[in-house]
Amino acid sequence: MDHFVKKISIPELGLEIFPDIKVTLERPGPSFIYHEPKYFYHRIVKQNLREFYKDESDERTAINACITLYHVRDWFCRTKTEKEAISKEMPYSAVLENIANGTKHFNLDKPCKTGRKSGTNVPRKLIVIKDDKEIELIEILKAIEKFWDARLGERYIAVYNEETKTK
Protein backbone atom coordinates (compact mmCIF):
# COMPACT_ATOMS: atom_id res chain seq x y z
CA MET A 1 0.00 0.00 0.00
CA ASP A 2 1.60 3.25 -1.12
CA HIS A 3 1.17 6.63 0.55
CA PHE A 4 2.36 9.90 -0.90
CA VAL A 5 3.33 13.01 1.00
CA LYS A 6 1.96 15.85 -1.11
CA LYS A 7 2.97 18.91 0.89
CA ILE A 8 5.02 19.78 3.97
CA SER A 9 4.13 23.09 5.56
CA ILE A 10 6.17 25.01 8.12
CA PRO A 11 4.03 28.13 8.70
CA GLU A 12 6.46 29.65 11.22
CA LEU A 13 9.06 29.91 8.47
CA GLY A 14 6.59 30.56 5.67
CA LEU A 15 7.69 27.39 3.91
CA GLU A 16 5.74 25.02 1.78
CA ILE A 17 7.64 22.10 0.29
CA PHE A 18 6.22 19.76 -2.32
CA PRO A 19 8.51 16.75 -2.10
CA ASP A 20 8.54 13.70 -4.28
CA ILE A 21 8.50 11.20 -1.38
CA LYS A 22 6.90 7.81 -1.62
CA VAL A 23 6.16 5.91 1.61
CA THR A 24 5.23 2.23 1.54
CA LEU A 25 3.31 0.45 4.28
CA GLU A 26 4.96 -2.96 4.68
CA ARG A 27 2.94 -6.08 5.50
CA PRO A 28 -0.38 -4.46 6.37
CA GLY A 29 -2.45 -6.68 8.62
CA PRO A 30 -4.21 -6.93 11.97
CA SER A 31 -0.96 -7.01 13.97
CA PHE A 32 2.49 -5.45 13.97
CA ILE A 33 4.22 -8.76 13.43
CA TYR A 34 4.60 -11.41 10.78
CA HIS A 35 1.26 -13.23 10.65
CA GLU A 36 2.20 -16.81 11.45
CA PRO A 37 1.53 -18.80 14.66
CA LYS A 38 5.11 -19.97 15.18
CA TYR A 39 6.45 -16.47 14.81
CA PHE A 40 3.88 -15.04 17.26
CA TYR A 41 4.57 -17.81 19.77
CA HIS A 42 8.34 -17.60 19.64
CA ARG A 43 8.85 -13.84 19.21
CA ILE A 44 6.09 -12.56 21.52
CA VAL A 45 4.73 -15.25 23.84
CA LYS A 46 8.01 -17.02 24.71
CA GLN A 47 9.63 -13.64 25.43
CA ASN A 48 6.76 -12.74 27.78
CA LEU A 49 7.12 -16.11 29.53
CA ARG A 50 10.90 -15.66 29.94
CA GLU A 51 10.32 -12.24 31.51
CA PHE A 52 7.80 -13.69 33.96
CA TYR A 53 10.04 -16.66 34.86
CA LYS A 54 12.79 -14.20 35.88
CA ASP A 55 10.52 -12.78 38.60
CA GLU A 56 7.40 -14.83 39.22
CA SER A 57 5.98 -12.23 41.61
CA ASP A 58 5.74 -9.52 38.92
CA GLU A 59 2.08 -8.93 38.07
CA ARG A 60 2.83 -6.98 34.86
CA THR A 61 4.86 -9.78 33.29
CA ALA A 62 2.36 -12.35 34.59
CA ILE A 63 -0.53 -10.54 32.88
CA ASN A 64 1.40 -10.16 29.60
CA ALA A 65 2.37 -13.84 29.68
CA CYS A 66 -1.19 -15.02 30.42
CA ILE A 67 -2.91 -12.86 27.80
CA THR A 68 -0.49 -13.64 24.98
CA LEU A 69 -0.24 -17.34 25.87
CA TYR A 70 -4.04 -17.59 25.89
CA HIS A 71 -4.22 -16.10 22.39
CA VAL A 72 -1.83 -18.61 20.82
CA ARG A 73 -4.94 -20.75 20.33
CA ASP A 74 -6.47 -18.00 18.16
CA TRP A 75 -3.33 -17.86 15.99
CA PHE A 76 -3.06 -21.66 15.74
CA CYS A 77 -6.70 -22.62 15.09
CA ARG A 78 -8.68 -21.59 12.06
CA THR A 79 -12.18 -22.63 13.17
CA LYS A 80 -14.30 -22.59 16.30
CA THR A 81 -14.30 -26.42 16.27
CA GLU A 82 -10.48 -26.47 16.25
CA LYS A 83 -10.38 -23.96 19.12
CA GLU A 84 -12.76 -26.08 21.18
CA ALA A 85 -10.73 -29.23 20.51
CA ILE A 86 -7.44 -27.53 21.49
CA SER A 87 -9.06 -26.12 24.62
CA LYS A 88 -10.03 -29.64 25.70
CA GLU A 89 -6.47 -30.92 25.15
CA MET A 90 -4.58 -27.99 26.66
CA PRO A 91 -3.81 -28.25 30.39
CA TYR A 92 -5.33 -25.50 32.54
CA SER A 93 -7.20 -24.10 29.52
CA ALA A 94 -10.16 -22.79 31.53
CA VAL A 95 -7.86 -21.32 34.17
CA LEU A 96 -5.80 -19.44 31.56
CA GLU A 97 -8.97 -18.20 29.86
CA ASN A 98 -10.31 -16.93 33.19
CA ILE A 99 -7.08 -15.07 33.96
CA ALA A 100 -6.69 -13.58 30.46
CA ASN A 101 -10.31 -12.50 30.08
CA GLY A 102 -10.71 -11.58 33.75
CA THR A 103 -7.75 -9.22 33.40
CA LYS A 104 -8.77 -7.83 30.03
CA HIS A 105 -12.40 -7.24 31.01
CA PHE A 106 -11.98 -6.77 34.79
CA ASN A 107 -14.41 -9.53 35.64
CA LEU A 108 -14.47 -10.41 39.34
CA ASP A 109 -17.06 -13.17 38.90
CA LYS A 110 -14.79 -15.74 37.25
CA PRO A 111 -14.50 -19.18 38.90
CA CYS A 112 -10.72 -18.77 39.30
CA LYS A 113 -9.25 -16.27 41.72
CA THR A 114 -5.69 -15.01 41.63
CA GLY A 115 -3.51 -13.74 44.39
CA ARG A 116 -0.05 -13.46 45.84
CA LYS A 117 1.38 -15.77 48.44
CA SER A 118 4.14 -14.42 50.66
CA GLY A 119 5.52 -14.86 54.12
CA THR A 120 8.61 -14.70 56.26
CA ASN A 121 11.57 -16.30 54.46
CA VAL A 122 9.24 -17.41 51.66
CA PRO A 123 9.58 -15.94 48.16
CA ARG A 124 6.49 -14.13 46.89
CA LYS A 125 4.60 -16.17 44.31
CA LEU A 126 1.51 -15.55 42.24
CA ILE A 127 -1.13 -18.20 42.73
CA VAL A 128 -4.45 -19.27 41.25
CA ILE A 129 -7.26 -20.63 43.42
CA LYS A 130 -9.80 -22.87 41.74
CA ASP A 131 -12.19 -25.17 43.57
CA ASP A 132 -10.42 -24.29 46.85
CA LYS A 133 -7.13 -25.61 45.43
CA GLU A 134 -4.02 -23.40 45.17
CA ILE A 135 -1.82 -23.70 42.11
CA GLU A 136 1.28 -21.60 41.49
CA LEU A 137 0.91 -19.55 38.31
CA ILE A 138 4.37 -20.59 37.12
CA GLU A 139 3.26 -24.26 37.20
CA ILE A 140 0.24 -23.45 35.02
CA LEU A 141 2.24 -21.44 32.49
CA LYS A 142 5.03 -24.03 32.21
CA ALA A 143 2.47 -26.79 31.55
CA ILE A 144 0.78 -24.75 28.82
CA GLU A 145 4.15 -23.74 27.35
CA LYS A 146 5.12 -27.43 27.15
CA PHE A 147 1.80 -28.12 25.37
CA TRP A 148 2.48 -25.44 22.73
CA ASP A 149 6.17 -26.37 22.40
CA ALA A 150 5.02 -29.85 21.36
CA ARG A 151 2.89 -28.31 18.59
CA LEU A 152 4.96 -25.32 17.51
CA GLY A 153 8.48 -26.48 18.40
CA GLU A 154 10.67 -25.39 21.27
CA ARG A 155 12.79 -23.28 18.96
CA TYR A 156 11.98 -21.31 15.84
CA ILE A 157 14.42 -20.28 13.18
CA ALA A 158 12.54 -17.75 11.16
CA VAL A 159 12.88 -17.50 7.45
CA TYR A 160 11.75 -13.95 8.10
CA ASN A 161 14.44 -11.27 7.96
CA GLU A 162 13.80 -8.83 10.84
CA GLU A 163 15.91 -6.06 9.30
CA THR A 164 14.39 -6.07 5.83
CA LYS A 165 10.96 -7.23 7.03
CA THR A 166 10.76 -9.81 4.27
CA LYS A 167 10.42 -13.57 4.07
Foldseek 3Di string as FASTA:
>chain_A
DKDFDQWDDDVVVPDIDGDGDIDDDPPDDDDPDDQALLCLCAVQQVVLLVVCVVPQQDPVSLLSNLQSLLCSLVSVDDDPVSSVVVLVVAPCSLVSVCSNCCVVVVDPPRQKDKDWDDDVVGGIFIWIAHPNDIDTSNVNSVSRSVVVCVVNNPDDDDPADPVVRHD
